[in-house]
């Protein structure tokens, strides 16, 4: 069972605000504890699913400013995912 999910950029945990430059590619990573079977990981900006897998490479736009970004993971029960922190995007 997945018990912990951490959102990272460049091996640094992100919990409060993620500052990015509009149109510049950013890679984020979703770290989970060890679990069997391997977890399914989904990425969200606000309430919109924007990707899946352990990492997300994306160029944010001004439309994403002030939205939350987070990843969710589950491995047995998709109706009970564990979420990372939900930092706000600050798009410059």
PDB file of N, CA and C in Angstrom:
ATOM      1  N   UNK A   1       0.837  -1.186   0.000  1.00  0.00           N
ATOM      2  CA  UNK A   1       0.000   0.000   0.000  1.00  0.00           C
ATOM      3  C   UNK A   1       0.877   1.244   0.000  1.00  0.00           C
ATOM      4  N   UNK A   2       0.503   2.241  -0.779  1.00  0.00           N
ATOM      5  CA  UNK A   2       1.224   3.512  -0.808  1.00  0.00           C
ATOM      6  C   UNK A   2       0.875   4.287   0.463  1.00  0.00           C
ATOM      7  N   UNK A   3       1.900   4.750   1.178  1.00  0.00           N
ATOM      8  CA  UNK A   3       1.651   5.490   2.418  1.00  0.00           C
ATOM      9  C   UNK A   3       2.168   6.919   2.380  1.00  0.00           C
ATOM     10  N   UNK A   4       3.114   7.214   1.469  1.00  0.00           N
ATOM     11  CA  UNK A   4       3.688   8.557   1.412  1.00  0.00           C
ATOM     12  C   UNK A   4       3.997   8.920  -0.030  1.00  0.00           C
ATOM     13  N   UNK A   5       3.714  10.179  -0.389  1.00  0.00           N
ATOM     14  CA  UNK A   5       3.989  10.682  -1.730  1.00  0.00           C
ATOM     15  C   UNK A   5       4.631  12.062  -1.578  1.00  0.00           C
ATOM     16  N   UNK A   6       5.784  12.260  -2.232  1.00  0.00           N
ATOM     17  CA  UNK A   6       6.518  13.519  -2.118  1.00  0.00           C
ATOM     18  C   UNK A   6       6.761  14.082  -3.514  1.00  0.00           C
ATOM     19  N   UNK A   7       6.482  15.366  -3.688  1.00  0.00           N
ATOM     20  CA  UNK A   7       6.709  16.078  -4.941  1.00  0.00           C
ATOM     21  C   UNK A   7       8.081  16.739  -4.872  1.00  0.00           C
ATOM     22  N   UNK A   8       8.922  16.505  -5.907  1.00  0.00           N
ATOM     23  CA  UNK A   8      10.272  17.062  -5.909  1.00  0.00           C
ATOM     24  C   UNK A   8      10.617  17.703  -7.247  1.00  0.00           C
ATOM     25  N   UNK A   9      11.520  18.689  -7.157  1.00  0.00           N
ATOM     26  CA  UNK A   9      12.175  19.258  -8.327  1.00  0.00           C
ATOM     27  C   UNK A   9      13.654  19.324  -7.992  1.00  0.00           C
ATOM     28  N   UNK A  10      14.491  18.760  -8.838  1.00  0.00           N
ATOM     29  CA  UNK A  10      15.946  18.732  -8.607  1.00  0.00           C
ATOM     30  C   UNK A  10      16.282  18.186  -7.217  1.00  0.00           C
ATOM     31  N   UNK A  11      15.621  17.093  -6.836  1.00  0.00           N
ATOM     32  CA  UNK A  11      15.839  16.413  -5.553  1.00  0.00           C
ATOM     33  C   UNK A  11      15.481  17.255  -4.330  1.00  0.00           C
ATOM     34  N   UNK A  12      14.710  18.316  -4.522  1.00  0.00           N
ATOM     35  CA  UNK A  12      14.250  19.160  -3.416  1.00  0.00           C
ATOM     36  C   UNK A  12      12.741  18.995  -3.263  1.00  0.00           C
ATOM     37  N   UNK A  13      12.285  18.752  -2.032  1.00  0.00           N
ATOM     38  CA  UNK A  13      10.853  18.638  -1.786  1.00  0.00           C
ATOM     39  C   UNK A  13      10.172  19.979  -2.022  1.00  0.00           C
ATOM     40  N   UNK A  14       9.000  19.940  -2.645  1.00  0.00           N
ATOM     41  CA  UNK A  14       8.219  21.146  -2.901  1.00  0.00           C
ATOM     42  C   UNK A  14       6.927  21.017  -2.112  1.00  0.00           C
ATOM     43  N   UNK A  15       6.675  21.971  -1.225  1.00  0.00           N
ATOM     44  CA  UNK A  15       5.481  21.870  -0.391  1.00  0.00           C
ATOM     45  C   UNK A  15       4.603  23.112  -0.422  1.00  0.00           C
ATOM     46  N   UNK A  16       5.155  24.280  -0.749  1.00  0.00           N
ATOM     47  CA  UNK A  16       4.401  25.517  -0.597  1.00  0.00           C
ATOM     48  C   UNK A  16       4.154  26.229  -1.922  1.00  0.00           C
ATOM     49  N   UNK A  17       5.221  26.724  -2.548  1.00  0.00           N
ATOM     50  CA  UNK A  17       5.102  27.461  -3.806  1.00  0.00           C
ATOM     51  C   UNK A  17       6.153  26.925  -4.775  1.00  0.00           C
ATOM     52  N   UNK A  18       5.749  26.741  -6.027  1.00  0.00           N
ATOM     53  CA  UNK A  18       6.677  26.349  -7.085  1.00  0.00           C
ATOM     54  C   UNK A  18       6.749  27.508  -8.068  1.00  0.00           C
ATOM     55  N   UNK A  19       7.910  28.169  -8.131  1.00  0.00           N
ATOM     56  CA  UNK A  19       8.101  29.301  -9.034  1.00  0.00           C
ATOM     57  C   UNK A  19       8.704  28.788 -10.333  1.00  0.00           C
ATOM     58  N   UNK A  20       8.042  29.110 -11.449  1.00  0.00           N
ATOM     59  CA  UNK A  20       8.491  28.655 -12.765  1.00  0.00           C
ATOM     60  C   UNK A  20       8.416  29.815 -13.750  1.00  0.00           C
ATOM     61  N   UNK A  21       9.128  29.672 -14.862  1.00  0.00           N
ATOM     62  CA  UNK A  21       9.088  30.656 -15.938  1.00  0.00           C
ATOM     63  C   UNK A  21       8.164  30.140 -17.032  1.00  0.00           C
ATOM     64  N   UNK A  22       7.259  30.993 -17.487  1.00  0.00           N
ATOM     65  CA  UNK A  22       6.314  30.609 -18.531  1.00  0.00           C
ATOM     66  C   UNK A  22       7.052  30.071 -19.752  1.00  0.00           C
ATOM     67  N   UNK A  23       6.557  28.978 -20.309  1.00  0.00           N
ATOM     68  CA  UNK A  23       7.054  28.338 -21.532  1.00  0.00           C
ATOM     69  C   UNK A  23       8.401  27.630 -21.359  1.00  0.00           C
ATOM     70  N   UNK A  24       8.957  27.603 -20.164  1.00  0.00           N
ATOM     71  CA  UNK A  24      10.225  26.911 -19.917  1.00  0.00           C
ATOM     72  C   UNK A  24       9.937  25.508 -19.387  1.00  0.00           C
ATOM     73  N   UNK A  25      10.592  24.502 -19.972  1.00  0.00           N
ATOM     74  CA  UNK A  25      10.359  23.125 -19.539  1.00  0.00           C
ATOM     75  C   UNK A  25      10.866  22.894 -18.118  1.00  0.00           C
ATOM     76  N   UNK A  26      10.036  22.227 -17.332  1.00  0.00           N
ATOM     77  CA  UNK A  26      10.346  21.886 -15.949  1.00  0.00           C
ATOM     78  C   UNK A  26      10.082  20.397 -15.780  1.00  0.00           C
ATOM     79  N   UNK A  27      10.969  19.697 -15.075  1.00  0.00           N
ATOM     80  CA  UNK A  27      10.737  18.289 -14.767  1.00  0.00           C
ATOM     81  C   UNK A  27      10.516  18.140 -13.270  1.00  0.00           C
ATOM     82  N   UNK A  28       9.385  17.531 -12.920  1.00  0.00           N
ATOM     83  CA  UNK A  28       9.032  17.258 -11.534  1.00  0.00           C
ATOM     84  C   UNK A  28       9.008  15.756 -11.330  1.00  0.00           C
ATOM     85  N   UNK A  29       9.273  15.327 -10.116  1.00  0.00           N
ATOM     86  CA  UNK A  29       9.304  13.908  -9.793  1.00  0.00           C
ATOM     87  C   UNK A  29       8.387  13.635  -8.618  1.00  0.00           C
ATOM     88  N   UNK A  30       7.695  12.511  -8.693  1.00  0.00           N
ATOM     89  CA  UNK A  30       6.813  12.067  -7.619  1.00  0.00           C
ATOM     90  C   UNK A  30       7.473  10.851  -6.965  1.00  0.00           C
ATOM     91  N   UNK A  31       7.825  10.987  -5.698  1.00  0.00           N
ATOM     92  CA  UNK A  31       8.520   9.931  -4.967  1.00  0.00           C
ATOM     93  C   UNK A  31       7.526   9.227  -4.049  1.00  0.00           C
ATOM     94  N   UNK A  32       7.492   7.904  -4.133  1.00  0.00           N
ATOM     95  CA  UNK A  32       6.637   7.121  -3.233  1.00  0.00           C
ATOM     96  C   UNK A  32       7.518   6.147  -2.462  1.00  0.00           C
ATOM     97  N   UNK A  33       7.021   5.692  -1.348  1.00  0.00           N
ATOM     98  CA  UNK A  33       7.723   4.645  -0.627  1.00  0.00           C
ATOM     99  C   UNK A  33       7.636   3.345  -1.412  1.00  0.00           C
ATOM    100  N   UNK A  34       8.370   2.349  -0.995  1.00  0.00           N
ATOM    101  CA  UNK A  34       8.338   1.046  -1.642  1.00  0.00           C
ATOM    102  C   UNK A  34       6.974   0.406  -1.434  1.00  0.00           C
ATOM    103  N   UNK A  35       6.410  -0.110  -2.513  1.00  0.00           N
ATOM    104  CA  UNK A  35       5.123  -0.811  -2.401  1.00  0.00           C
ATOM    105  C   UNK A  35       5.029  -1.856  -3.500  1.00  0.00           C
ATOM    106  N   UNK A  36       4.288  -2.887  -3.233  1.00  0.00           N
ATOM    107  CA  UNK A  36       4.029  -3.956  -4.201  1.00  0.00           C
ATOM    108  C   UNK A  36       2.537  -4.139  -4.329  1.00  0.00           C
ATOM    109  N   UNK A  37       2.014  -4.148  -5.516  1.00  0.00           N
ATOM    110  CA  UNK A  37       2.686  -3.887  -6.797  1.00  0.00           C
ATOM    111  C   UNK A  37       3.130  -2.425  -6.891  1.00  0.00           C
ATOM    112  N   UNK A  38       3.928  -2.125  -7.925  1.00  0.00           N
ATOM    113  CA  UNK A  38       4.376  -0.750  -8.126  1.00  0.00           C
ATOM    114  C   UNK A  38       3.166   0.169  -8.236  1.00  0.00           C
ATOM    115  N   UNK A  39       3.281   1.393  -7.718  1.00  0.00           N
ATOM    116  CA  UNK A  39       2.126   2.292  -7.727  1.00  0.00           C
ATOM    117  C   UNK A  39       1.846   2.890  -9.099  1.00  0.00           C
ATOM    118  N   UNK A  40       0.603   3.275  -9.290  1.00  0.00           N
ATOM    119  CA  UNK A  40       0.186   4.089 -10.423  1.00  0.00           C
ATOM    120  C   UNK A  40       0.252   5.535  -9.954  1.00  0.00           C
ATOM    121  N   UNK A  41       0.876   6.412 -10.746  1.00  0.00           N
ATOM    122  CA  UNK A  41       1.048   7.812 -10.366  1.00  0.00           C
ATOM    123  C   UNK A  41       0.390   8.696 -11.414  1.00  0.00           C
ATOM    124  N   UNK A  42      -0.457   9.610 -10.947  1.00  0.00           N
ATOM    125  CA  UNK A  42      -1.118  10.585 -11.816  1.00  0.00           C
ATOM    126  C   UNK A  42      -0.758  11.989 -11.359  1.00  0.00           C
ATOM    127  N   UNK A  43      -0.677  12.912 -12.323  1.00  0.00           N
ATOM    128  CA  UNK A  43      -0.323  14.310 -12.068  1.00  0.00           C
ATOM    129  C   UNK A  43      -1.520  15.209 -12.335  1.00  0.00           C
ATOM    130  N   UNK A  44      -1.689  16.217 -11.476  1.00  0.00           N
ATOM    131  CA  UNK A  44      -2.811  17.145 -11.603  1.00  0.00           C
ATOM    132  C   UNK A  44      -2.339  18.584 -11.468  1.00  0.00           C
ATOM    133  N   UNK A  45      -2.947  19.452 -12.271  1.00  0.00           N
ATOM    134  CA  UNK A  45      -2.852  20.895 -12.083  1.00  0.00           C
ATOM    135  C   UNK A  45      -4.282  21.340 -11.834  1.00  0.00           C
ATOM    136  N   UNK A  46      -4.526  21.883 -10.639  1.00  0.00           N
ATOM    137  CA  UNK A  46      -5.904  22.122 -10.225  1.00  0.00           C
ATOM    138  C   UNK A  46      -6.605  20.777 -10.173  1.00  0.00           C
ATOM    139  N   UNK A  47      -7.745  20.671 -10.802  1.00  0.00           N
ATOM    140  CA  UNK A  47      -8.470  19.393 -10.810  1.00  0.00           C
ATOM    141  C   UNK A  47      -8.275  18.622 -12.111  1.00  0.00           C
ATOM    142  N   UNK A  48      -7.429  19.155 -13.017  1.00  0.00           N
ATOM    143  CA  UNK A  48      -7.222  18.522 -14.324  1.00  0.00           C
ATOM    144  C   UNK A  48      -6.035  17.576 -14.311  1.00  0.00           C
ATOM    145  N   UNK A  49      -6.269  16.344 -14.745  1.00  0.00           N
ATOM    146  CA  UNK A  49      -5.168  15.391 -14.891  1.00  0.00           C
ATOM    147  C   UNK A  49      -4.292  15.843 -16.048  1.00  0.00           C
ATOM    148  N   UNK A  50      -2.967  15.931 -15.803  1.00  0.00           N
ATOM    149  CA  UNK A  50      -2.051  16.430 -16.825  1.00  0.00           C
ATOM    150  C   UNK A  50      -0.962  15.441 -17.194  1.00  0.00           C
ATOM    151  N   UNK A  51      -0.986  14.247 -16.603  1.00  0.00           N
ATOM    152  CA  UNK A  51       0.020  13.268 -16.956  1.00  0.00           C
ATOM    153  C   UNK A  51      -0.015  12.088 -16.015  1.00  0.00           C
ATOM    154  N   UNK A  52       0.828  11.108 -16.317  1.00  0.00           N
ATOM    155  CA  UNK A  52       0.953   9.947 -15.443  1.00  0.00           C
ATOM    156  C   UNK A  52       2.393   9.453 -15.497  1.00  0.00           C
ATOM    157  N   UNK A  53       2.780   8.711 -14.469  1.00  0.00           N
ATOM    158  CA  UNK A  53       4.139   8.193 -14.376  1.00  0.00           C
ATOM    159  C   UNK A  53       4.914   8.907 -13.290  1.00  0.00           C
ATOM    160  N   UNK A  54       6.116   8.428 -12.975  1.00  0.00           N
ATOM    161  CA  UNK A  54       6.881   8.971 -11.853  1.00  0.00           C
ATOM    162  C   UNK A  54       7.418  10.383 -12.062  1.00  0.00           C
ATOM    163  N   UNK A  55       7.481  10.851 -13.320  1.00  0.00           N
ATOM    164  CA  UNK A  55       7.943  12.221 -13.547  1.00  0.00           C
ATOM    165  C   UNK A  55       7.045  12.919 -14.560  1.00  0.00           C
ATOM    166  N   UNK A  56       7.064  14.245 -14.492  1.00  0.00           N
ATOM    167  CA  UNK A  56       6.274  15.082 -15.390  1.00  0.00           C
ATOM    168  C   UNK A  56       7.182  16.176 -15.913  1.00  0.00           C
ATOM    169  N   UNK A  57       7.327  16.248 -17.241  1.00  0.00           N
ATOM    170  CA  UNK A  57       8.066  17.339 -17.869  1.00  0.00           C
ATOM    171  C   UNK A  57       7.044  18.192 -18.599  1.00  0.00           C
ATOM    172  N   UNK A  58       6.995  19.467 -18.235  1.00  0.00           N
ATOM    173  CA  UNK A  58       5.926  20.328 -18.724  1.00  0.00           C
ATOM    174  C   UNK A  58       6.424  21.764 -18.814  1.00  0.00           C
ATOM    175  N   UNK A  59       5.868  22.512 -19.764  1.00  0.00           N
ATOM    176  CA  UNK A  59       6.086  23.955 -19.846  1.00  0.00           C
ATOM    177  C   UNK A  59       4.792  24.613 -19.371  1.00  0.00           C
ATOM    178  N   UNK A  60       4.859  25.319 -18.269  1.00  0.00           N
ATOM    179  CA  UNK A  60       3.672  25.963 -17.719  1.00  0.00           C
ATOM    180  C   UNK A  60       3.365  27.240 -18.485  1.00  0.00           C
ATOM    181  N   UNK A  61       2.105  27.631 -18.471  1.00  0.00           N
ATOM    182  CA  UNK A  61       1.691  28.880 -19.106  1.00  0.00           C
ATOM    183  C   UNK A  61       1.116  29.809 -18.044  1.00  0.00           C
ATOM    184  N   UNK A  62       0.859  31.050 -18.432  1.00  0.00           N
ATOM    185  CA  UNK A  62       0.258  32.003 -17.499  1.00  0.00           C
ATOM    186  C   UNK A  62      -1.104  31.523 -17.011  1.00  0.00           C
ATOM    187  N   UNK A  63      -1.774  30.675 -17.777  1.00  0.00           N
ATOM    188  CA  UNK A  63      -3.071  30.121 -17.371  1.00  0.00           C
ATOM    189  C   UNK A  63      -2.925  29.226 -16.138  1.00  0.00           C
ATOM    190  N   UNK A  64      -1.730  28.694 -15.909  1.00  0.00           N
ATOM    191  CA  UNK A  64      -1.491  27.814 -14.762  1.00  0.00           C
ATOM    192  C   UNK A  64      -1.178  28.589 -13.480  1.00  0.00           C
ATOM    193  N   UNK A  65      -0.955  29.900 -13.602  1.00  0.00           N
ATOM    194  CA  UNK A  65      -0.577  30.711 -12.439  1.00  0.00           C
ATOM    195  C   UNK A  65      -1.608  30.579 -11.320  1.00  0.00           C
ATOM    196  N   UNK A  66      -1.115  30.362 -10.119  1.00  0.00           N
ATOM    197  CA  UNK A  66      -1.913  30.267  -8.894  1.00  0.00           C
ATOM    198  C   UNK A  66      -2.717  28.975  -8.773  1.00  0.00           C
ATOM    199  N   UNK A  67      -2.556  28.054  -9.716  1.00  0.00           N
ATOM    200  CA  UNK A  67      -3.183  26.730  -9.589  1.00  0.00           C
ATOM    201  C   UNK A  67      -2.318  25.872  -8.663  1.00  0.00           C
ATOM    202  N   UNK A  68      -2.897  24.809  -8.144  1.00  0.00           N
ATOM    203  CA  UNK A  68      -2.108  23.854  -7.376  1.00  0.00           C
ATOM    204  C   UNK A  68      -1.592  22.775  -8.318  1.00  0.00           C
ATOM    205  N   UNK A  69      -0.447  22.210  -7.971  1.00  0.00           N
ATOM    206  CA  UNK A  69       0.087  21.073  -8.715  1.00  0.00           C
ATOM    207  C   UNK A  69       0.402  19.976  -7.711  1.00  0.00           C
ATOM    208  N   UNK A  70       0.089  18.753  -8.086  1.00  0.00           N
ATOM    209  CA  UNK A  70       0.362  17.642  -7.175  1.00  0.00           C
ATOM    210  C   UNK A  70       0.325  16.327  -7.934  1.00  0.00           C
ATOM    211  N   UNK A  71       0.849  15.298  -7.274  1.00  0.00           N
ATOM    212  CA  UNK A  71       0.759  13.951  -7.815  1.00  0.00           C
ATOM    213  C   UNK A  71       0.012  13.085  -6.810  1.00  0.00           C
ATOM    214  N   UNK A  72      -0.629  12.058  -7.330  1.00  0.00           N
ATOM    215  CA  UNK A  72      -1.349  11.087  -6.510  1.00  0.00           C
ATOM    216  C   UNK A  72      -0.856   9.703  -6.888  1.00  0.00           C
ATOM    217  N   UNK A  73      -0.779   8.819  -5.900  1.00  0.00           N
ATOM    218  CA  UNK A  73      -0.321   7.457  -6.167  1.00  0.00           C
ATOM    219  C   UNK A  73      -1.220   6.458  -5.460  1.00  0.00           C
ATOM    220  N   UNK A  74      -1.398   5.325  -6.116  1.00  0.00           N
ATOM    221  CA  UNK A  74      -2.122   4.200  -5.510  1.00  0.00           C
ATOM    222  C   UNK A  74      -1.592   2.929  -6.143  1.00  0.00           C
ATOM    223  N   UNK A  75      -1.741   1.810  -5.460  1.00  0.00           N
ATOM    224  CA  UNK A  75      -1.314   0.559  -6.084  1.00  0.00           C
ATOM    225  C   UNK A  75      -2.343  -0.552  -5.952  1.00  0.00           C
ATOM    226  N   UNK A  76      -3.316  -0.407  -5.089  1.00  0.00           N
ATOM    227  CA  UNK A  76      -4.334  -1.443  -4.951  1.00  0.00           C
ATOM    228  C   UNK A  76      -5.722  -0.868  -5.168  1.00  0.00           C
ATOM    229  N   UNK A  77      -6.022   0.230  -4.493  1.00  0.00           N
ATOM    230  CA  UNK A  77      -7.365   0.794  -4.516  1.00  0.00           C
ATOM    231  C   UNK A  77      -7.354   2.175  -5.171  1.00  0.00           C
ATOM    232  N   UNK A  78      -7.758   2.278  -6.457  1.00  0.00           N
ATOM    233  CA  UNK A  78      -7.724   3.575  -7.132  1.00  0.00           C
ATOM    234  C   UNK A  78      -8.673   4.604  -6.522  1.00  0.00           C
ATOM    235  N   UNK A  79      -9.633   4.165  -5.714  1.00  0.00           N
ATOM    236  CA  UNK A  79     -10.544   5.126  -5.091  1.00  0.00           C
ATOM    237  C   UNK A  79      -9.956   5.713  -3.809  1.00  0.00           C
ATOM    238  N   UNK A  80      -8.755   5.266  -3.430  1.00  0.00           N
ATOM    239  CA  UNK A  80      -8.131   5.743  -2.197  1.00  0.00           C
ATOM    240  C   UNK A  80      -6.666   6.137  -2.442  1.00  0.00           C
ATOM    241  N   UNK A  81      -6.410   7.115  -3.348  1.00  0.00           N
ATOM    242  CA  UNK A  81      -5.023   7.497  -3.635  1.00  0.00           C
ATOM    243  C   UNK A  81      -4.434   8.342  -2.510  1.00  0.00           C
ATOM    244  N   UNK A  82      -3.104   8.371  -2.461  1.00  0.00           N
ATOM    245  CA  UNK A  82      -2.376   9.221  -1.521  1.00  0.00           C
ATOM    246  C   UNK A  82      -1.803  10.382  -2.329  1.00  0.00           C
ATOM    247  N   UNK A  83      -2.002  11.615  -1.847  1.00  0.00           N
ATOM    248  CA  UNK A  83      -1.553  12.809  -2.562  1.00  0.00           C
ATOM    249  C   UNK A  83      -0.280  13.375  -1.961  1.00  0.00           C
ATOM    250  N   UNK A  84       0.498  14.026  -2.820  1.00  0.00           N
ATOM    251  CA  UNK A  84       1.640  14.810  -2.355  1.00  0.00           C
ATOM    252  C   UNK A  84       1.108  16.115  -1.768  1.00  0.00           C
ATOM    253  N   UNK A  85       2.026  16.955  -1.299  1.00  0.00           N
ATOM    254  CA  UNK A  85       1.663  18.331  -0.960  1.00  0.00           C
ATOM    255  C   UNK A  85       1.115  18.980  -2.230  1.00  0.00           C
ATOM    256  N   UNK A  86       0.381  20.065  -2.086  1.00  0.00           N
ATOM    257  CA  UNK A  86      -0.234  20.739  -3.232  1.00  0.00           C
ATOM    258  C   UNK A  86       0.232  22.193  -3.307  1.00  0.00           C
ATOM    259  N   UNK A  87       1.506  22.389  -3.714  1.00  0.00           N
ATOM    260  CA  UNK A  87       2.007  23.763  -3.803  1.00  0.00           C
ATOM    261  C   UNK A  87       1.296  24.554  -4.897  1.00  0.00           C
ATOM    262  N   UNK A  88       1.269  25.872  -4.715  1.00  0.00           N
ATOM    263  CA  UNK A  88       0.705  26.761  -5.733  1.00  0.00           C
ATOM    264  C   UNK A  88       1.789  27.093  -6.760  1.00  0.00           C
ATOM    265  N   UNK A  89       1.367  27.219  -8.006  1.00  0.00           N
ATOM    266  CA  UNK A  89       2.277  27.602  -9.079  1.00  0.00           C
ATOM    267  C   UNK A  89       2.383  29.122  -9.142  1.00  0.00           C
ATOM    268  N   UNK A  90       3.601  29.614  -9.202  1.00  0.00           N
ATOM    269  CA  UNK A  90       3.848  31.026  -9.438  1.00  0.00           C
ATOM    270  C   UNK A  90       4.544  31.098 -10.787  1.00  0.00           C
ATOM    271  N   UNK A  91       3.787  31.456 -11.835  1.00  0.00           N
ATOM    272  CA  UNK A  91       4.311  31.477 -13.202  1.00  0.00           C
ATOM    273  C   UNK A  91       4.745  32.900 -13.533  1.00  0.00           C
ATOM    274  N   UNK A  92       6.032  33.051 -13.861  1.00  0.00           N
ATOM    275  CA  UNK A  92       6.586  34.377 -14.172  1.00  0.00           C
ATOM    276  C   UNK A  92       6.611  34.615 -15.665  1.00  0.00           C
TER     277      UNK A  92
END
